[in-house]
């Protein structure tokens, strides 16, 4: 009798335990599924005006920060900061302290970006000077003759009319009279040093490719948003006329 009771008790306990394990496994699988869903990126509805505006504001903010060299931000912390301010919560960092921290970070980021640009330009020029047809002058200016002319050669006091197209070393275009369909006229002494030197070596009808080190271009400051500090510049330039 006792043996029968034990067997029945064991069987019932085992059944309950098996059922509990099954239910627990089901719950675990359910939790895993919910976690997976939470990890999925939200699909933004760009037909919702506020979603579109919010997303656009985010892209503008990020583009501005990225352009200044920021490359290691914690996006979750960034999002938390935005949320705390917009929801009026107590901030984890005092605003004055935050200003100092951000200014210091951005200065360091810009310095890192500038140093990378400087090194990239120097490496580009070092590799480029070994290429066929590339001539390097005493100043460090490099050029390659694409088309030879036979006309007048300008002096520093002359004005010239040229067609040109300028890019960064990665191929990013920043200016082009060719694209505008209108040649440019200016004084030989009124442009960056690399151009002033090159133009006085050219003749009307010449078309050259110029490779200009940063110190013969816009230097450590760059020019506007399109030409970063320490940028080595490439120009295709055609001397149309000496005025």
C-alpha atoms as a PDB file:
ATOM      1  CA  UNK A   1       0.000   0.000   0.000  1.00  0.00           C
ATOM      2  CA  UNK A   2       2.750   2.381   0.978  1.00  0.00           C
ATOM      3  CA  UNK A   3       4.553   1.483  -2.240  1.00  0.00           C
ATOM      4  CA  UNK A   4       1.443   2.281  -4.262  1.00  0.00           C
ATOM      5  CA  UNK A   5       1.012   5.622  -2.529  1.00  0.00           C
ATOM      6  CA  UNK A   6       4.667   6.480  -3.171  1.00  0.00           C
ATOM      7  CA  UNK A   7       4.341   5.574  -6.836  1.00  0.00           C
ATOM      8  CA  UNK A   8       1.202   7.670  -7.187  1.00  0.00           C
ATOM      9  CA  UNK A   9       2.788  10.602  -5.355  1.00  0.00           C
ATOM     10  CA  UNK A  10       5.942  10.383  -7.451  1.00  0.00           C
ATOM     11  CA  UNK A  11       3.939  10.166 -10.671  1.00  0.00           C
ATOM     12  CA  UNK A  12       1.807  13.184  -9.743  1.00  0.00           C
ATOM     13  CA  UNK A  13       4.858  15.217  -8.643  1.00  0.00           C
ATOM     14  CA  UNK A  14       6.728  14.323 -11.801  1.00  0.00           C
ATOM     15  CA  UNK A  15       3.724  15.318 -13.895  1.00  0.00           C
ATOM     16  CA  UNK A  16       3.399  18.636 -12.065  1.00  0.00           C
ATOM     17  CA  UNK A  17       7.125  19.288 -12.397  1.00  0.00           C
ATOM     18  CA  UNK A  18       7.043  18.451 -16.097  1.00  0.00           C
ATOM     19  CA  UNK A  19       4.069  20.757 -16.527  1.00  0.00           C
ATOM     20  CA  UNK A  20       5.878  23.522 -14.606  1.00  0.00           C
ATOM     21  CA  UNK A  21       8.960  23.108 -16.769  1.00  0.00           C
ATOM     22  CA  UNK A  22       6.837  23.254 -19.899  1.00  0.00           C
ATOM     23  CA  UNK A  23       5.089  26.399 -18.719  1.00  0.00           C
ATOM     24  CA  UNK A  24       8.411  27.927 -17.692  1.00  0.00           C
ATOM     25  CA  UNK A  25       9.891  27.134 -21.083  1.00  0.00           C
ATOM     26  CA  UNK A  26       6.877  28.714 -22.741  1.00  0.00           C
ATOM     27  CA  UNK A  27       7.312  31.850 -20.638  1.00  0.00           C
ATOM     28  CA  UNK A  28      11.029  31.973 -21.462  1.00  0.00           C
ATOM     29  CA  UNK A  29      10.304  31.722 -25.180  1.00  0.00           C
ATOM     30  CA  UNK A  30       7.681  34.436 -24.836  1.00  0.00           C
ATOM     31  CA  UNK A  31      10.154  36.733 -23.069  1.00  0.00           C
ATOM     32  CA  UNK A  32      12.784  36.066 -25.721  1.00  0.00           C
ATOM     33  CA  UNK A  33      10.278  36.981 -28.422  1.00  0.00           C
ATOM     34  CA  UNK A  34       9.344  40.208 -26.606  1.00  0.00           C
ATOM     35  CA  UNK A  35      13.004  41.148 -26.167  1.00  0.00           C
ATOM     36  CA  UNK A  36      13.620  40.510 -29.875  1.00  0.00           C
ATOM     37  CA  UNK A  37      10.714  42.787 -30.730  1.00  0.00           C
ATOM     38  CA  UNK A  38      12.040  45.509 -28.431  1.00  0.00           C
ATOM     39  CA  UNK A  39      15.452  45.328 -30.103  1.00  0.00           C
ATOM     40  CA  UNK A  40      13.980  45.837 -33.545  1.00  0.00           C
ATOM     41  CA  UNK A  41      14.476  49.418 -34.788  1.00  0.00           C
ATOM     42  CA  UNK A  42      11.340  51.480 -34.887  1.00  0.00           C
ATOM     43  CA  UNK A  43       9.962  51.955 -38.384  1.00  0.00           C
ATOM     44  CA  UNK A  44       9.470  55.693 -38.750  1.00  0.00           C
ATOM     45  CA  UNK A  45       6.293  56.901 -40.409  1.00  0.00           C
ATOM     46  CA  UNK A  46       7.503  59.744 -42.625  1.00  0.00           C
ATOM     47  CA  UNK A  47       3.899  60.587 -43.471  1.00  0.00           C
ATOM     48  CA  UNK A  48       3.553  61.878 -39.913  1.00  0.00           C
ATOM     49  CA  UNK A  49       4.645  65.561 -40.051  1.00  0.00           C
ATOM     50  CA  UNK A  50       6.083  65.567 -36.512  1.00  0.00           C
ATOM     51  CA  UNK A  51       8.064  62.367 -37.153  1.00  0.00           C
ATOM     52  CA  UNK A  52       9.509  63.918 -40.295  1.00  0.00           C
ATOM     53  CA  UNK A  53      10.381  67.191 -38.542  1.00  0.00           C
ATOM     54  CA  UNK A  54      11.954  65.377 -35.590  1.00  0.00           C
ATOM     55  CA  UNK A  55      14.008  63.141 -37.854  1.00  0.00           C
ATOM     56  CA  UNK A  56      15.122  66.115 -39.942  1.00  0.00           C
ATOM     57  CA  UNK A  57      16.231  67.999 -36.824  1.00  0.00           C
ATOM     58  CA  UNK A  58      18.253  64.948 -35.792  1.00  0.00           C
ATOM     59  CA  UNK A  59      20.007  64.734 -39.154  1.00  0.00           C
ATOM     60  CA  UNK A  60      20.907  68.437 -39.091  1.00  0.00           C
ATOM     61  CA  UNK A  61      22.282  68.220 -35.555  1.00  0.00           C
ATOM     62  CA  UNK A  62      24.290  65.090 -36.388  1.00  0.00           C
ATOM     63  CA  UNK A  63      25.650  66.524 -39.637  1.00  0.00           C
ATOM     64  CA  UNK A  64      26.869  69.629 -37.832  1.00  0.00           C
ATOM     65  CA  UNK A  65      28.531  67.642 -35.045  1.00  0.00           C
ATOM     66  CA  UNK A  66      30.072  65.157 -37.485  1.00  0.00           C
ATOM     67  CA  UNK A  67      31.448  67.953 -39.675  1.00  0.00           C
ATOM     68  CA  UNK A  68      33.364  69.247 -36.659  1.00  0.00           C
ATOM     69  CA  UNK A  69      35.058  65.894 -36.157  1.00  0.00           C
ATOM     70  CA  UNK A  70      32.936  64.184 -33.495  1.00  0.00           C
ATOM     71  CA  UNK A  71      33.391  60.449 -33.951  1.00  0.00           C
ATOM     72  CA  UNK A  72      32.844  58.678 -30.615  1.00  0.00           C
ATOM     73  CA  UNK A  73      29.568  59.828 -29.076  1.00  0.00           C
ATOM     74  CA  UNK A  74      27.404  57.578 -26.878  1.00  0.00           C
ATOM     75  CA  UNK A  75      24.087  57.768 -28.731  1.00  0.00           C
ATOM     76  CA  UNK A  76      22.042  56.451 -25.805  1.00  0.00           C
ATOM     77  CA  UNK A  77      23.437  59.125 -23.485  1.00  0.00           C
ATOM     78  CA  UNK A  78      22.882  61.748 -26.178  1.00  0.00           C
ATOM     79  CA  UNK A  79      19.265  60.663 -26.533  1.00  0.00           C
ATOM     80  CA  UNK A  80      18.822  60.702 -22.736  1.00  0.00           C
ATOM     81  CA  UNK A  81      20.133  64.264 -22.559  1.00  0.00           C
ATOM     82  CA  UNK A  82      17.717  65.443 -25.245  1.00  0.00           C
ATOM     83  CA  UNK A  83      14.828  63.680 -23.541  1.00  0.00           C
ATOM     84  CA  UNK A  84      15.624  65.079 -20.074  1.00  0.00           C
ATOM     85  CA  UNK A  85      15.734  68.661 -21.351  1.00  0.00           C
ATOM     86  CA  UNK A  86      12.585  68.357 -23.452  1.00  0.00           C
ATOM     87  CA  UNK A  87      10.668  66.689 -20.602  1.00  0.00           C
ATOM     88  CA  UNK A  88      11.897  69.183 -18.014  1.00  0.00           C
ATOM     89  CA  UNK A  89      13.649  66.591 -15.846  1.00  0.00           C
ATOM     90  CA  UNK A  90      16.491  67.276 -13.420  1.00  0.00           C
ATOM     91  CA  UNK A  91      19.702  67.178 -15.461  1.00  0.00           C
ATOM     92  CA  UNK A  92      22.509  64.819 -14.521  1.00  0.00           C
ATOM     93  CA  UNK A  93      25.134  67.395 -15.571  1.00  0.00           C
ATOM     94  CA  UNK A  94      24.914  71.102 -14.791  1.00  0.00           C
ATOM     95  CA  UNK A  95      24.476  73.236 -17.922  1.00  0.00           C
ATOM     96  CA  UNK A  96      27.630  75.289 -17.280  1.00  0.00           C
ATOM     97  CA  UNK A  97      29.688  72.156 -16.777  1.00  0.00           C
ATOM     98  CA  UNK A  98      28.073  70.642 -19.879  1.00  0.00           C
ATOM     99  CA  UNK A  99      29.117  73.656 -21.953  1.00  0.00           C
ATOM    100  CA  UNK A 100      32.745  73.332 -20.862  1.00  0.00           C
ATOM    101  CA  UNK A 101      32.799  69.583 -21.461  1.00  0.00           C
ATOM    102  CA  UNK A 102      31.345  69.891 -24.948  1.00  0.00           C
ATOM    103  CA  UNK A 103      33.621  72.764 -25.975  1.00  0.00           C
ATOM    104  CA  UNK A 104      36.685  70.835 -24.861  1.00  0.00           C
ATOM    105  CA  UNK A 105      35.520  67.669 -26.623  1.00  0.00           C
ATOM    106  CA  UNK A 106      34.771  69.464 -29.897  1.00  0.00           C
ATOM    107  CA  UNK A 107      38.130  71.259 -29.855  1.00  0.00           C
ATOM    108  CA  UNK A 108      39.907  67.949 -29.415  1.00  0.00           C
ATOM    109  CA  UNK A 109      37.761  66.348 -32.123  1.00  0.00           C
ATOM    110  CA  UNK A 110      38.521  69.150 -34.587  1.00  0.00           C
ATOM    111  CA  UNK A 111      42.235  68.847 -33.858  1.00  0.00           C
ATOM    112  CA  UNK A 112      42.123  65.100 -34.532  1.00  0.00           C
ATOM    113  CA  UNK A 113      40.228  65.657 -37.763  1.00  0.00           C
ATOM    114  CA  UNK A 114      42.667  68.363 -38.892  1.00  0.00           C
ATOM    115  CA  UNK A 115      45.675  66.165 -38.143  1.00  0.00           C
ATOM    116  CA  UNK A 116      44.161  63.314 -40.163  1.00  0.00           C
ATOM    117  CA  UNK A 117      43.532  65.655 -43.103  1.00  0.00           C
ATOM    118  CA  UNK A 118      47.090  66.972 -42.906  1.00  0.00           C
ATOM    119  CA  UNK A 119      48.592  63.483 -42.853  1.00  0.00           C
ATOM    120  CA  UNK A 120      46.306  62.270 -45.663  1.00  0.00           C
ATOM    121  CA  UNK A 121      47.330  65.224 -47.854  1.00  0.00           C
ATOM    122  CA  UNK A 122      51.021  64.666 -47.230  1.00  0.00           C
ATOM    123  CA  UNK A 123      50.714  60.978 -48.057  1.00  0.00           C
ATOM    124  CA  UNK A 124      48.742  61.762 -51.213  1.00  0.00           C
ATOM    125  CA  UNK A 125      51.401  64.181 -52.451  1.00  0.00           C
ATOM    126  CA  UNK A 126      54.219  61.774 -51.580  1.00  0.00           C
ATOM    127  CA  UNK A 127      52.565  59.053 -53.665  1.00  0.00           C
ATOM    128  CA  UNK A 128      51.492  61.416 -56.439  1.00  0.00           C
ATOM    129  CA  UNK A 129      54.951  62.869 -57.136  1.00  0.00           C
ATOM    130  CA  UNK A 130      56.189  59.450 -58.276  1.00  0.00           C
ATOM    131  CA  UNK A 131      53.510  59.188 -60.965  1.00  0.00           C
ATOM    132  CA  UNK A 132      54.356  59.654 -64.628  1.00  0.00           C
ATOM    133  CA  UNK A 133      54.139  63.239 -65.866  1.00  0.00           C
ATOM    134  CA  UNK A 134      53.808  64.845 -62.429  1.00  0.00           C
ATOM    135  CA  UNK A 135      56.239  67.720 -61.801  1.00  0.00           C
ATOM    136  CA  UNK A 136      56.995  69.062 -58.313  1.00  0.00           C
ATOM    137  CA  UNK A 137      58.248  72.640 -57.866  1.00  0.00           C
ATOM    138  CA  UNK A 138      60.485  73.959 -55.080  1.00  0.00           C
ATOM    139  CA  UNK A 139      57.438  75.174 -53.126  1.00  0.00           C
ATOM    140  CA  UNK A 140      55.859  71.721 -53.104  1.00  0.00           C
ATOM    141  CA  UNK A 141      53.273  72.506 -55.786  1.00  0.00           C
ATOM    142  CA  UNK A 142      52.671  69.602 -58.138  1.00  0.00           C
ATOM    143  CA  UNK A 143      51.255  69.764 -61.640  1.00  0.00           C
ATOM    144  CA  UNK A 144      50.700  67.621 -64.709  1.00  0.00           C
ATOM    145  CA  UNK A 145      50.310  68.977 -68.239  1.00  0.00           C
ATOM    146  CA  UNK A 146      47.106  67.710 -69.825  1.00  0.00           C
ATOM    147  CA  UNK A 147      47.130  69.973 -72.883  1.00  0.00           C
ATOM    148  CA  UNK A 148      49.855  72.297 -74.166  1.00  0.00           C
ATOM    149  CA  UNK A 149      49.152  75.816 -75.376  1.00  0.00           C
ATOM    150  CA  UNK A 150      51.372  78.281 -77.157  1.00  0.00           C
ATOM    151  CA  UNK A 151      49.939  81.666 -76.247  1.00  0.00           C
ATOM    152  CA  UNK A 152      50.904  84.443 -73.875  1.00  0.00           C
ATOM    153  CA  UNK A 153      52.334  83.693 -70.416  1.00  0.00           C
ATOM    154  CA  UNK A 154      50.909  85.825 -67.577  1.00  0.00           C
ATOM    155  CA  UNK A 155      52.807  87.762 -64.927  1.00  0.00           C
ATOM    156  CA  UNK A 156      51.754  88.372 -61.337  1.00  0.00           C
ATOM    157  CA  UNK A 157      50.264  91.753 -62.375  1.00  0.00           C
ATOM    158  CA  UNK A 158      48.034  90.354 -65.138  1.00  0.00           C
ATOM    159  CA  UNK A 159      44.412  89.312 -65.058  1.00  0.00           C
ATOM    160  CA  UNK A 160      43.470  85.971 -66.550  1.00  0.00           C
ATOM    161  CA  UNK A 161      40.376  84.117 -67.703  1.00  0.00           C
ATOM    162  CA  UNK A 162      40.254  80.429 -66.829  1.00  0.00           C
ATOM    163  CA  UNK A 163      38.029  77.402 -66.627  1.00  0.00           C
ATOM    164  CA  UNK A 164      38.566  75.156 -63.631  1.00  0.00           C
ATOM    165  CA  UNK A 165      37.164  72.391 -61.455  1.00  0.00           C
ATOM    166  CA  UNK A 166      38.311  71.777 -57.879  1.00  0.00           C
ATOM    167  CA  UNK A 167      38.055  68.675 -55.681  1.00  0.00           C
ATOM    168  CA  UNK A 168      39.401  67.346 -52.413  1.00  0.00           C
ATOM    169  CA  UNK A 169      41.788  64.388 -52.540  1.00  0.00           C
ATOM    170  CA  UNK A 170      38.882  61.980 -51.994  1.00  0.00           C
ATOM    171  CA  UNK A 171      37.217  63.312 -55.144  1.00  0.00           C
ATOM    172  CA  UNK A 172      34.627  65.509 -53.405  1.00  0.00           C
ATOM    173  CA  UNK A 173      33.930  68.513 -55.684  1.00  0.00           C
ATOM    174  CA  UNK A 174      33.738  71.980 -54.115  1.00  0.00           C
ATOM    175  CA  UNK A 175      33.815  74.454 -57.012  1.00  0.00           C
ATOM    176  CA  UNK A 176      33.666  74.400 -60.807  1.00  0.00           C
ATOM    177  CA  UNK A 177      33.395  77.144 -63.416  1.00  0.00           C
ATOM    178  CA  UNK A 178      32.992  74.339 -65.948  1.00  0.00           C
ATOM    179  CA  UNK A 179      29.835  73.145 -64.222  1.00  0.00           C
ATOM    180  CA  UNK A 180      28.517  76.727 -64.079  1.00  0.00           C
ATOM    181  CA  UNK A 181      29.259  77.135 -67.776  1.00  0.00           C
ATOM    182  CA  UNK A 182      30.982  80.466 -67.168  1.00  0.00           C
ATOM    183  CA  UNK A 183      34.795  80.967 -67.053  1.00  0.00           C
ATOM    184  CA  UNK A 184      36.254  83.034 -64.212  1.00  0.00           C
ATOM    185  CA  UNK A 185      38.378  86.178 -64.554  1.00  0.00           C
ATOM    186  CA  UNK A 186      40.641  87.435 -61.755  1.00  0.00           C
ATOM    187  CA  UNK A 187      44.061  88.825 -60.968  1.00  0.00           C
ATOM    188  CA  UNK A 188      46.946  86.340 -60.833  1.00  0.00           C
ATOM    189  CA  UNK A 189      47.908  87.768 -57.442  1.00  0.00           C
ATOM    190  CA  UNK A 190      44.354  87.598 -56.126  1.00  0.00           C
ATOM    191  CA  UNK A 191      44.085  83.839 -55.639  1.00  0.00           C
ATOM    192  CA  UNK A 192      45.658  81.133 -53.451  1.00  0.00           C
ATOM    193  CA  UNK A 193      49.447  80.837 -53.639  1.00  0.00           C
ATOM    194  CA  UNK A 194      49.353  77.546 -55.535  1.00  0.00           C
ATOM    195  CA  UNK A 195      47.326  79.125 -58.306  1.00  0.00           C
ATOM    196  CA  UNK A 196      49.479  82.265 -58.422  1.00  0.00           C
ATOM    197  CA  UNK A 197      52.582  80.139 -58.913  1.00  0.00           C
ATOM    198  CA  UNK A 198      51.033  77.783 -61.455  1.00  0.00           C
ATOM    199  CA  UNK A 199      49.445  80.486 -63.610  1.00  0.00           C
ATOM    200  CA  UNK A 200      52.796  82.203 -64.123  1.00  0.00           C
ATOM    201  CA  UNK A 201      54.204  78.926 -65.471  1.00  0.00           C
ATOM    202  CA  UNK A 202      51.332  78.395 -67.908  1.00  0.00           C
ATOM    203  CA  UNK A 203      50.604  79.706 -71.380  1.00  0.00           C
ATOM    204  CA  UNK A 204      47.292  80.528 -73.023  1.00  0.00           C
ATOM    205  CA  UNK A 205      45.762  77.251 -74.183  1.00  0.00           C
ATOM    206  CA  UNK A 206      47.423  75.196 -71.444  1.00  0.00           C
ATOM    207  CA  UNK A 207      45.331  72.792 -69.433  1.00  0.00           C
ATOM    208  CA  UNK A 208      46.978  71.451 -66.281  1.00  0.00           C
ATOM    209  CA  UNK A 209      46.130  69.324 -63.332  1.00  0.00           C
ATOM    210  CA  UNK A 210      47.252  71.021 -60.113  1.00  0.00           C
ATOM    211  CA  UNK A 211      47.938  69.258 -56.807  1.00  0.00           C
ATOM    212  CA  UNK A 212      48.195  71.964 -54.170  1.00  0.00           C
ATOM    213  CA  UNK A 213      49.485  71.374 -50.590  1.00  0.00           C
ATOM    214  CA  UNK A 214      47.405  72.917 -47.808  1.00  0.00           C
ATOM    215  CA  UNK A 215      50.019  75.628 -47.112  1.00  0.00           C
ATOM    216  CA  UNK A 216      49.701  76.839 -50.724  1.00  0.00           C
ATOM    217  CA  UNK A 217      45.900  76.669 -50.538  1.00  0.00           C
ATOM    218  CA  UNK A 218      43.643  77.628 -47.613  1.00  0.00           C
ATOM    219  CA  UNK A 219      46.030  76.539 -44.860  1.00  0.00           C
ATOM    220  CA  UNK A 220      45.074  75.505 -41.369  1.00  0.00           C
ATOM    221  CA  UNK A 221      41.712  77.291 -41.454  1.00  0.00           C
ATOM    222  CA  UNK A 222      40.224  75.898 -44.641  1.00  0.00           C
ATOM    223  CA  UNK A 223      37.491  77.789 -46.461  1.00  0.00           C
ATOM    224  CA  UNK A 224      33.825  77.621 -45.550  1.00  0.00           C
ATOM    225  CA  UNK A 225      32.053  74.308 -45.064  1.00  0.00           C
ATOM    226  CA  UNK A 226      33.386  72.672 -48.220  1.00  0.00           C
ATOM    227  CA  UNK A 227      37.152  72.947 -47.696  1.00  0.00           C
ATOM    228  CA  UNK A 228      38.239  71.653 -44.265  1.00  0.00           C
ATOM    229  CA  UNK A 229      41.431  72.827 -42.511  1.00  0.00           C
ATOM    230  CA  UNK A 230      44.712  71.394 -43.856  1.00  0.00           C
ATOM    231  CA  UNK A 231      43.114  70.304 -47.130  1.00  0.00           C
ATOM    232  CA  UNK A 232      45.290  69.379 -50.100  1.00  0.00           C
ATOM    233  CA  UNK A 233      43.382  70.525 -53.187  1.00  0.00           C
ATOM    234  CA  UNK A 234      43.181  69.251 -56.755  1.00  0.00           C
ATOM    235  CA  UNK A 235      42.317  71.523 -59.679  1.00  0.00           C
ATOM    236  CA  UNK A 236      41.916  70.974 -63.354  1.00  0.00           C
ATOM    237  CA  UNK A 237      42.625  74.417 -64.807  1.00  0.00           C
ATOM    238  CA  UNK A 238      42.629  75.741 -68.366  1.00  0.00           C
ATOM    239  CA  UNK A 239      44.216  79.128 -69.086  1.00  0.00           C
ATOM    240  CA  UNK A 240      41.909  80.617 -71.714  1.00  0.00           C
ATOM    241  CA  UNK A 241      43.213  84.169 -71.945  1.00  0.00           C
ATOM    242  CA  UNK A 242      45.694  86.624 -70.453  1.00  0.00           C
ATOM    243  CA  UNK A 243      43.935  90.004 -70.210  1.00  0.00           C
END
